[in-house]
């Protein structure tokens, strides 16, 4: 299961980076938050605290960006 999640999440993060480099804001945030959420799930499945902390903080930052773009 984690293999599929990590690869799908990695593809989403690459898409988010492409959108960011093309300055497609705020739509770049949506695949980024999904990709980071996937890696957060992988970190939880692997019991890897570094992945959990990094991706939980990243999800929060991206969600804040989405909230700010909507308001």
PDB file of N, CA and C in Angstrom:
ATOM      1  N   UNK A   1       0.824  -1.207   0.000  1.00  0.00           N
ATOM      2  CA  UNK A   1       0.000   0.000   0.000  1.00  0.00           C
ATOM      3  C   UNK A   1       0.859   1.257   0.000  1.00  0.00           C
ATOM      4  N   UNK A   2       1.885   1.282   0.839  1.00  0.00           N
ATOM      5  CA  UNK A   2       2.704   2.495   0.936  1.00  0.00           C
ATOM      6  C   UNK A   2       3.429   2.792  -0.373  1.00  0.00           C
ATOM      7  N   UNK A   3       3.758   1.735  -1.144  1.00  0.00           N
ATOM      8  CA  UNK A   3       4.440   1.941  -2.427  1.00  0.00           C
ATOM      9  C   UNK A   3       3.575   2.770  -3.367  1.00  0.00           C
ATOM     10  N   UNK A   4       2.283   2.432  -3.458  1.00  0.00           N
ATOM     11  CA  UNK A   4       1.370   3.152  -4.339  1.00  0.00           C
ATOM     12  C   UNK A   4       1.151   4.585  -3.858  1.00  0.00           C
ATOM     13  N   UNK A   5       0.993   4.749  -2.553  1.00  0.00           N
ATOM     14  CA  UNK A   5       0.758   6.080  -2.001  1.00  0.00           C
ATOM     15  C   UNK A   5       1.969   6.974  -2.226  1.00  0.00           C
ATOM     16  N   UNK A   6       3.171   6.457  -1.982  1.00  0.00           N
ATOM     17  CA  UNK A   6       4.361   7.305  -2.127  1.00  0.00           C
ATOM     18  C   UNK A   6       4.591   7.702  -3.572  1.00  0.00           C
ATOM     19  N   UNK A   7       4.317   6.812  -4.530  1.00  0.00           N
ATOM     20  CA  UNK A   7       4.529   7.173  -5.929  1.00  0.00           C
ATOM     21  C   UNK A   7       3.458   8.125  -6.423  1.00  0.00           C
ATOM     22  N   UNK A   8       2.219   7.911  -6.062  1.00  0.00           N
ATOM     23  CA  UNK A   8       1.148   8.843  -6.437  1.00  0.00           C
ATOM     24  C   UNK A   8       1.405  10.218  -5.819  1.00  0.00           C
ATOM     25  N   UNK A   9       1.838  10.234  -4.571  1.00  0.00           N
ATOM     26  CA  UNK A   9       2.135  11.487  -3.899  1.00  0.00           C
ATOM     27  C   UNK A   9       3.320  12.192  -4.536  1.00  0.00           C
ATOM     28  N   UNK A  10       4.311  11.439  -4.936  1.00  0.00           N
ATOM     29  CA  UNK A  10       5.477  12.036  -5.597  1.00  0.00           C
ATOM     30  C   UNK A  10       5.086  12.665  -6.926  1.00  0.00           C
ATOM     31  N   UNK A  11       4.220  11.989  -7.681  1.00  0.00           N
ATOM     32  CA  UNK A  11       3.743  12.556  -8.945  1.00  0.00           C
ATOM     33  C   UNK A  11       2.959  13.842  -8.687  1.00  0.00           C
ATOM     34  N   UNK A  12       2.119  13.844  -7.677  1.00  0.00           N
ATOM     35  CA  UNK A  12       1.372  15.052  -7.332  1.00  0.00           C
ATOM     36  C   UNK A  12       2.306  16.191  -6.948  1.00  0.00           C
ATOM     37  N   UNK A  13       3.354  15.897  -6.222  1.00  0.00           N
ATOM     38  CA  UNK A  13       4.304  16.938  -5.834  1.00  0.00           C
ATOM     39  C   UNK A  13       5.069  17.480  -7.041  1.00  0.00           C
ATOM     40  N   UNK A  14       5.380  16.617  -7.992  1.00  0.00           N
ATOM     41  CA  UNK A  14       6.037  17.084  -9.220  1.00  0.00           C
ATOM     42  C   UNK A  14       5.091  17.998 -10.003  1.00  0.00           C
ATOM     43  N   UNK A  15       3.826  17.623 -10.084  1.00  0.00           N
ATOM     44  CA  UNK A  15       2.833  18.476 -10.744  1.00  0.00           C
ATOM     45  C   UNK A  15       2.748  19.827 -10.035  1.00  0.00           C
ATOM     46  N   UNK A  16       2.735  19.805  -8.706  1.00  0.00           N
ATOM     47  CA  UNK A  16       2.688  21.052  -7.933  1.00  0.00           C
ATOM     48  C   UNK A  16       3.916  21.926  -8.213  1.00  0.00           C
ATOM     49  N   UNK A  17       5.082  21.308  -8.341  1.00  0.00           N
ATOM     50  CA  UNK A  17       6.291  22.075  -8.645  1.00  0.00           C
ATOM     51  C   UNK A  17       6.232  22.673 -10.042  1.00  0.00           C
ATOM     52  N   UNK A  18       5.708  21.919 -11.001  1.00  0.00           N
ATOM     53  CA  UNK A  18       5.557  22.445 -12.360  1.00  0.00           C
ATOM     54  C   UNK A  18       4.600  23.637 -12.362  1.00  0.00           C
ATOM     55  N   UNK A  19       3.478  23.505 -11.663  1.00  0.00           N
ATOM     56  CA  UNK A  19       2.528  24.607 -11.575  1.00  0.00           C
ATOM     57  C   UNK A  19       3.134  25.818 -10.871  1.00  0.00           C
ATOM     58  N   UNK A  20       3.936  25.579  -9.850  1.00  0.00           N
ATOM     59  CA  UNK A  20       4.591  26.675  -9.150  1.00  0.00           C
ATOM     60  C   UNK A  20       5.573  27.387 -10.070  1.00  0.00           C
ATOM     61  N   UNK A  21       6.346  26.641 -10.831  1.00  0.00           N
ATOM     62  CA  UNK A  21       7.315  27.259 -11.729  1.00  0.00           C
ATOM     63  C   UNK A  21       6.619  28.019 -12.856  1.00  0.00           C
ATOM     64  N   UNK A  22       5.388  27.616 -13.200  1.00  0.00           N
ATOM     65  CA  UNK A  22       4.601  28.316 -14.212  1.00  0.00           C
ATOM     66  C   UNK A  22       3.779  29.444 -13.588  1.00  0.00           C
ATOM     67  N   UNK A  23       3.952  29.664 -12.286  1.00  0.00           N
ATOM     68  CA  UNK A  23       3.265  30.728 -11.540  1.00  0.00           C
ATOM     69  C   UNK A  23       1.742  30.593 -11.626  1.00  0.00           C
ATOM     70  N   UNK A  24       1.269  29.358 -11.475  1.00  0.00           N
ATOM     71  CA  UNK A  24      -0.165  29.078 -11.490  1.00  0.00           C
ATOM     72  C   UNK A  24      -0.630  28.984 -10.042  1.00  0.00           C
ATOM     73  N   UNK A  25      -0.882  30.167  -9.476  1.00  0.00           N
ATOM     74  CA  UNK A  25      -1.253  30.249  -8.067  1.00  0.00           C
ATOM     75  C   UNK A  25      -2.729  30.566  -7.975  1.00  0.00           C
ATOM     76  N   UNK A  26      -3.529  30.010  -7.150  1.00  0.00           N
ATOM     77  CA  UNK A  26      -3.269  29.101  -6.040  1.00  0.00           C
ATOM     78  C   UNK A  26      -3.435  27.628  -6.420  1.00  0.00           C
ATOM     79  N   UNK A  27      -3.637  27.347  -7.710  1.00  0.00           N
ATOM     80  CA  UNK A  27      -3.911  25.964  -8.111  1.00  0.00           C
ATOM     81  C   UNK A  27      -2.722  25.034  -7.878  1.00  0.00           C
ATOM     82  N   UNK A  28      -1.546  25.595  -7.720  1.00  0.00           N
ATOM     83  CA  UNK A  28      -0.383  24.768  -7.408  1.00  0.00           C
ATOM     84  C   UNK A  28      -0.467  24.189  -5.994  1.00  0.00           C
ATOM     85  N   UNK A  29      -1.250  24.818  -5.135  1.00  0.00           N
ATOM     86  CA  UNK A  29      -1.336  24.379  -3.746  1.00  0.00           C
ATOM     87  C   UNK A  29      -2.143  23.096  -3.576  1.00  0.00           C
ATOM     88  N   UNK A  30      -3.101  22.864  -4.471  1.00  0.00           N
ATOM     89  CA  UNK A  30      -3.980  21.701  -4.311  1.00  0.00           C
ATOM     90  C   UNK A  30      -3.247  20.373  -4.504  1.00  0.00           C
ATOM     91  N   UNK A  31      -2.505  20.191  -5.602  1.00  0.00           N
ATOM     92  CA  UNK A  31      -1.753  18.928  -5.691  1.00  0.00           C
ATOM     93  C   UNK A  31      -0.652  18.842  -4.639  1.00  0.00           C
ATOM     94  N   UNK A  32      -0.131  20.004  -4.211  1.00  0.00           N
ATOM     95  CA  UNK A  32       0.908  19.985  -3.183  1.00  0.00           C
ATOM     96  C   UNK A  32       0.364  19.467  -1.858  1.00  0.00           C
ATOM     97  N   UNK A  33      -0.811  19.940  -1.459  1.00  0.00           N
ATOM     98  CA  UNK A  33      -1.374  19.481  -0.182  1.00  0.00           C
ATOM     99  C   UNK A  33      -1.768  18.009  -0.262  1.00  0.00           C
ATOM    100  N   UNK A  34      -2.229  17.565  -1.433  1.00  0.00           N
ATOM    101  CA  UNK A  34      -2.549  16.143  -1.585  1.00  0.00           C
ATOM    102  C   UNK A  34      -1.287  15.283  -1.544  1.00  0.00           C
ATOM    103  N   UNK A  35      -0.241  15.742  -2.211  1.00  0.00           N
ATOM    104  CA  UNK A  35       1.023  15.000  -2.208  1.00  0.00           C
ATOM    105  C   UNK A  35       1.650  14.929  -0.826  1.00  0.00           C
ATOM    106  N   UNK A  36       1.636  16.041  -0.133  1.00  0.00           N
ATOM    107  CA  UNK A  36       2.192  16.051   1.225  1.00  0.00           C
ATOM    108  C   UNK A  36       1.345  15.197   2.168  1.00  0.00           C
ATOM    109  N   UNK A  37       0.036  15.209   1.964  1.00  0.00           N
ATOM    110  CA  UNK A  37      -0.833  14.362   2.793  1.00  0.00           C
ATOM    111  C   UNK A  37      -0.529  12.890   2.551  1.00  0.00           C
ATOM    112  N   UNK A  38      -0.287  12.546   1.292  1.00  0.00           N
ATOM    113  CA  UNK A  38       0.076  11.163   0.985  1.00  0.00           C
ATOM    114  C   UNK A  38       1.363  10.757   1.660  1.00  0.00           C
ATOM    115  N   UNK A  39       2.356  11.648   1.610  1.00  0.00           N
ATOM    116  CA  UNK A  39       3.620  11.331   2.281  1.00  0.00           C
ATOM    117  C   UNK A  39       3.456  11.299   3.796  1.00  0.00           C
ATOM    118  N   UNK A  40       2.523  12.087   4.328  1.00  0.00           N
ATOM    119  CA  UNK A  40       2.226  12.007   5.763  1.00  0.00           C
ATOM    120  C   UNK A  40       1.672  10.628   6.106  1.00  0.00           C
ATOM    121  N   UNK A  41       0.784  10.116   5.262  1.00  0.00           N
ATOM    122  CA  UNK A  41       0.237   8.772   5.475  1.00  0.00           C
ATOM    123  C   UNK A  41       1.345   7.727   5.402  1.00  0.00           C
ATOM    124  N   UNK A  42       2.254   7.873   4.440  1.00  0.00           N
ATOM    125  CA  UNK A  42       3.377   6.936   4.332  1.00  0.00           C
ATOM    126  C   UNK A  42       4.230   6.993   5.594  1.00  0.00           C
ATOM    127  N   UNK A  43       4.495   8.197   6.085  1.00  0.00           N
ATOM    128  CA  UNK A  43       5.259   8.336   7.320  1.00  0.00           C
ATOM    129  C   UNK A  43       4.579   7.641   8.489  1.00  0.00           C
ATOM    130  N   UNK A  44       3.254   7.746   8.551  1.00  0.00           N
ATOM    131  CA  UNK A  44       2.515   7.067   9.615  1.00  0.00           C
ATOM    132  C   UNK A  44       2.591   5.545   9.447  1.00  0.00           C
ATOM    133  N   UNK A  45       2.467   5.071   8.196  1.00  0.00           N
ATOM    134  CA  UNK A  45       2.559   3.626   7.959  1.00  0.00           C
ATOM    135  C   UNK A  45       3.941   3.083   8.300  1.00  0.00           C
ATOM    136  N   UNK A  46       4.981   3.878   8.040  1.00  0.00           N
ATOM    137  CA  UNK A  46       6.350   3.454   8.291  1.00  0.00           C
ATOM    138  C   UNK A  46       6.818   3.771   9.716  1.00  0.00           C
ATOM    139  N   UNK A  47       6.000   4.484  10.490  1.00  0.00           N
ATOM    140  CA  UNK A  47       6.391   4.926  11.837  1.00  0.00           C
ATOM    141  C   UNK A  47       7.672   5.758  11.779  1.00  0.00           C
ATOM    142  N   UNK A  48       7.767   6.619  10.761  1.00  0.00           N
ATOM    143  CA  UNK A  48       8.951   7.461  10.556  1.00  0.00           C
ATOM    144  C   UNK A  48       8.632   8.869  11.044  1.00  0.00           C
ATOM    145  N   UNK A  49       9.165   9.215  12.207  1.00  0.00           N
ATOM    146  CA  UNK A  49       8.836  10.498  12.827  1.00  0.00           C
ATOM    147  C   UNK A  49       9.275  11.687  11.988  1.00  0.00           C
ATOM    148  N   UNK A  50      10.404  11.579  11.311  1.00  0.00           N
ATOM    149  CA  UNK A  50      10.876  12.694  10.489  1.00  0.00           C
ATOM    150  C   UNK A  50       9.888  12.976   9.349  1.00  0.00           C
ATOM    151  N   UNK A  51       9.414  11.932   8.678  1.00  0.00           N
ATOM    152  CA  UNK A  51       8.424  12.121   7.614  1.00  0.00           C
ATOM    153  C   UNK A  51       7.112  12.666   8.166  1.00  0.00           C
ATOM    154  N   UNK A  52       6.723  12.193   9.328  1.00  0.00           N
ATOM    155  CA  UNK A  52       5.471  12.652   9.933  1.00  0.00           C
ATOM    156  C   UNK A  52       5.550  14.138  10.254  1.00  0.00           C
ATOM    157  N   UNK A  53       6.608  14.553  10.922  1.00  0.00           N
ATOM    158  CA  UNK A  53       6.748  15.962  11.324  1.00  0.00           C
ATOM    159  C   UNK A  53       6.845  16.862  10.097  1.00  0.00           C
ATOM    160  N   UNK A  54       7.735  16.528   9.164  1.00  0.00           N
ATOM    161  CA  UNK A  54       7.938  17.352   7.981  1.00  0.00           C
ATOM    162  C   UNK A  54       6.645  17.507   7.182  1.00  0.00           C
ATOM    163  N   UNK A  55       5.959  16.418   6.940  1.00  0.00           N
ATOM    164  CA  UNK A  55       4.780  16.477   6.093  1.00  0.00           C
ATOM    165  C   UNK A  55       3.557  17.028   6.814  1.00  0.00           C
ATOM    166  N   UNK A  56       3.445  16.828   8.107  1.00  0.00           N
ATOM    167  CA  UNK A  56       2.342  17.440   8.860  1.00  0.00           C
ATOM    168  C   UNK A  56       2.475  18.960   8.831  1.00  0.00           C
ATOM    169  N   UNK A  57       3.680  19.460   9.018  1.00  0.00           N
ATOM    170  CA  UNK A  57       3.916  20.906   8.962  1.00  0.00           C
ATOM    171  C   UNK A  57       3.679  21.417   7.548  1.00  0.00           C
ATOM    172  N   UNK A  58       4.125  20.675   6.547  1.00  0.00           N
ATOM    173  CA  UNK A  58       3.922  21.079   5.150  1.00  0.00           C
ATOM    174  C   UNK A  58       2.439  21.140   4.801  1.00  0.00           C
ATOM    175  N   UNK A  59       1.670  20.154   5.221  1.00  0.00           N
ATOM    176  CA  UNK A  59       0.225  20.157   4.960  1.00  0.00           C
ATOM    177  C   UNK A  59      -0.407  21.383   5.608  1.00  0.00           C
ATOM    178  N   UNK A  60      -0.032  21.688   6.835  1.00  0.00           N
ATOM    179  CA  UNK A  60      -0.587  22.855   7.518  1.00  0.00           C
ATOM    180  C   UNK A  60      -0.253  24.144   6.776  1.00  0.00           C
ATOM    181  N   UNK A  61       0.985  24.276   6.300  1.00  0.00           N
ATOM    182  CA  UNK A  61       1.401  25.479   5.575  1.00  0.00           C
ATOM    183  C   UNK A  61       0.630  25.598   4.264  1.00  0.00           C
ATOM    184  N   UNK A  62       0.527  24.508   3.511  1.00  0.00           N
ATOM    185  CA  UNK A  62      -0.209  24.556   2.246  1.00  0.00           C
ATOM    186  C   UNK A  62      -1.691  24.835   2.463  1.00  0.00           C
ATOM    187  N   UNK A  63      -2.292  24.241   3.508  1.00  0.00           N
ATOM    188  CA  UNK A  63      -3.686  24.516   3.805  1.00  0.00           C
ATOM    189  C   UNK A  63      -3.895  25.982   4.174  1.00  0.00           C
ATOM    190  N   UNK A  64      -2.954  26.559   4.904  1.00  0.00           N
ATOM    191  CA  UNK A  64      -3.020  27.979   5.232  1.00  0.00           C
ATOM    192  C   UNK A  64      -2.987  28.818   3.951  1.00  0.00           C
ATOM    193  N   UNK A  65      -2.131  28.422   3.000  1.00  0.00           N
ATOM    194  CA  UNK A  65      -2.084  29.122   1.723  1.00  0.00           C
ATOM    195  C   UNK A  65      -3.391  29.028   0.972  1.00  0.00           C
ATOM    196  N   UNK A  66      -4.020  27.845   0.997  1.00  0.00           N
ATOM    197  CA  UNK A  66      -5.319  27.674   0.329  1.00  0.00           C
ATOM    198  C   UNK A  66      -6.373  28.537   1.010  1.00  0.00           C
ATOM    199  N   UNK A  67      -6.389  28.531   2.326  1.00  0.00           N
ATOM    200  CA  UNK A  67      -7.368  29.339   3.070  1.00  0.00           C
ATOM    201  C   UNK A  67      -7.170  30.820   2.756  1.00  0.00           C
ATOM    202  N   UNK A  68      -5.921  31.266   2.736  1.00  0.00           N
ATOM    203  CA  UNK A  68      -5.642  32.681   2.422  1.00  0.00           C
ATOM    204  C   UNK A  68      -6.052  33.039   1.007  1.00  0.00           C
ATOM    205  N   UNK A  69      -5.931  32.119   0.066  1.00  0.00           N
ATOM    206  CA  UNK A  69      -6.314  32.423  -1.314  1.00  0.00           C
ATOM    207  C   UNK A  69      -7.828  32.477  -1.480  1.00  0.00           C
ATOM    208  N   UNK A  70      -8.552  31.737  -0.647  1.00  0.00           N
ATOM    209  CA  UNK A  70     -10.012  31.739  -0.733  1.00  0.00           C
ATOM    210  C   UNK A  70     -10.596  32.984  -0.077  1.00  0.00           C
ATOM    211  N   UNK A  71      -9.989  33.431   0.998  1.00  0.00           N
ATOM    212  CA  UNK A  71     -10.527  34.592   1.741  1.00  0.00           C
ATOM    213  C   UNK A  71     -10.202  35.875   1.079  1.00  0.00           C
TER     214      UNK A  71
END
